[in-house]
Amino acid sequence: SDAGFAQVAGVELTLLDCARYLRKATGIHGVAQIAKDIGAKADPRKLAKAAAAYESATVRRLGYLLELVGHTRQAKVLVSFAQHAKTSVPLDPSVKPLLAPFME
């Protein structure tokens, strides 16, 4: 630019930031649309490397959305983050838990 060099985020950081700040990115539906529109452009290796710096919930949310919109290559590199999570809350309410909650 005329003012000098400007640093911009790549596709991978944009996706992760949108998943982190989903309310500012017009909610979960807006982030799903963003994932659909630019998710295929994300390099899986760069995405996995960048995801290591984000909290687990953000990475799992993005992985779910990428899988939901059909970008399975990108979603697959985020599976390991979901497998190492200490807690799990289904993002898809239609999914039934394998075990019923413990009732006293």
Protein backbone atom coordinates (compact mmCIF):
# COMPACT_ATOMS: atom_id res chain seq x y z
CA SER A 1 0.00 0.00 0.00
CA ASP A 2 1.05 3.62 -0.14
CA ALA A 3 1.56 3.61 3.64
CA GLY A 4 3.82 0.56 3.59
CA PHE A 5 3.33 -3.14 4.17
CA ALA A 6 0.21 -4.50 5.83
CA GLN A 7 -0.09 -7.88 7.49
CA VAL A 8 -3.27 -9.79 6.78
CA ALA A 9 -4.56 -13.07 8.14
CA GLY A 10 -4.66 -16.09 5.89
CA VAL A 11 -7.69 -18.27 5.36
CA GLU A 12 -6.76 -20.57 8.23
CA LEU A 13 -6.53 -17.79 10.82
CA THR A 14 -9.66 -16.17 9.49
CA LEU A 15 -11.62 -19.40 9.96
CA LEU A 16 -10.29 -19.93 13.47
CA ASP A 17 -10.93 -16.34 14.50
CA CYS A 18 -14.48 -16.50 13.17
CA ALA A 19 -15.08 -19.71 15.13
CA ARG A 20 -13.59 -18.09 18.26
CA TYR A 21 -15.55 -14.85 17.99
CA LEU A 22 -18.70 -16.29 16.50
CA ARG A 23 -21.02 -13.65 17.96
CA LYS A 24 -19.05 -10.93 16.19
CA ALA A 25 -19.11 -13.04 13.02
CA THR A 26 -22.94 -12.98 12.92
CA GLY A 27 -23.42 -16.13 15.01
CA ILE A 28 -23.03 -19.81 14.28
CA HIS A 29 -24.96 -19.53 11.01
CA GLY A 30 -22.66 -16.78 9.79
CA VAL A 31 -19.57 -18.78 10.70
CA ALA A 32 -21.02 -21.83 8.93
CA GLN A 33 -21.47 -19.69 5.79
CA ILE A 34 -17.90 -18.42 6.08
CA ALA A 35 -16.64 -22.00 6.51
CA LYS A 36 -18.62 -23.03 3.44
CA ASP A 37 -17.36 -20.14 1.35
CA ILE A 38 -13.64 -20.21 2.17
CA GLY A 39 -13.07 -23.50 3.98
CA ALA A 40 -11.89 -25.33 0.87
CA LYS A 41 -9.10 -22.78 0.45
CA ALA A 42 -7.59 -23.63 3.86
CA ASP A 43 -4.38 -25.63 3.71
CA PRO A 44 -4.88 -28.58 6.11
CA ARG A 45 -1.28 -28.46 7.40
CA LYS A 46 -1.42 -24.72 8.07
CA LEU A 47 -4.84 -25.12 9.68
CA ALA A 48 -3.60 -27.81 12.08
CA LYS A 49 -0.52 -25.76 12.97
CA ALA A 50 -2.58 -22.62 13.65
CA ALA A 51 -5.21 -24.57 15.58
CA ALA A 52 -2.61 -25.57 18.17
CA ALA A 53 -2.63 -21.96 19.40
CA TYR A 54 -6.42 -21.85 19.88
CA GLU A 55 -8.60 -23.18 22.65
CA SER A 56 -10.13 -26.61 22.20
CA ALA A 57 -13.74 -25.41 21.94
CA THR A 58 -12.90 -23.10 19.04
CA VAL A 59 -11.07 -25.81 17.12
CA ARG A 60 -13.81 -28.37 17.71
CA ARG A 61 -16.47 -25.88 16.62
CA LEU A 62 -14.61 -25.12 13.41
CA GLY A 63 -14.01 -28.81 12.73
CA TYR A 64 -17.71 -29.53 13.12
CA LEU A 65 -18.66 -26.70 10.77
CA LEU A 66 -16.08 -27.67 8.15
CA GLU A 67 -17.36 -31.25 8.22
CA LEU A 68 -20.97 -30.05 8.10
CA VAL A 69 -20.37 -28.01 4.93
CA GLY A 70 -18.40 -30.78 3.22
CA HIS A 71 -14.77 -29.72 3.65
CA THR A 72 -13.69 -33.08 5.04
CA ARG A 73 -9.97 -32.71 4.23
CA GLN A 74 -9.76 -29.63 6.40
CA ALA A 75 -12.02 -31.08 9.12
CA LYS A 76 -9.99 -34.28 9.42
CA VAL A 77 -6.86 -32.47 10.59
CA LEU A 78 -8.84 -31.08 13.53
CA VAL A 79 -10.12 -34.48 14.73
CA SER A 80 -7.18 -35.00 17.07
CA PHE A 81 -8.11 -31.81 18.94
CA ALA A 82 -11.59 -33.19 19.58
CA GLN A 83 -10.22 -36.55 20.70
CA HIS A 84 -7.99 -34.91 23.32
CA ALA A 85 -10.74 -32.69 24.72
CA LYS A 86 -11.52 -33.12 28.40
CA THR A 87 -15.22 -32.38 27.94
CA SER A 88 -17.60 -32.75 25.07
CA VAL A 89 -20.83 -30.95 24.27
CA PRO A 90 -22.56 -31.94 21.01
CA LEU A 91 -23.03 -29.03 18.64
CA ASP A 92 -25.74 -30.89 16.78
CA PRO A 93 -28.75 -31.24 19.11
CA SER A 94 -30.14 -34.12 17.04
CA VAL A 95 -27.22 -36.32 18.11
CA LYS A 96 -28.22 -38.56 21.00
CA PRO A 97 -25.56 -39.34 23.62
CA LEU A 98 -24.35 -42.93 23.71
CA LEU A 99 -24.89 -43.09 27.46
CA ALA A 100 -27.90 -41.71 29.26
CA PRO A 101 -27.07 -39.20 32.00
CA PHE A 102 -26.75 -40.72 35.47
CA MET A 103 -30.00 -40.28 37.36
CA GLU A 104 -30.28 -40.69 41.12
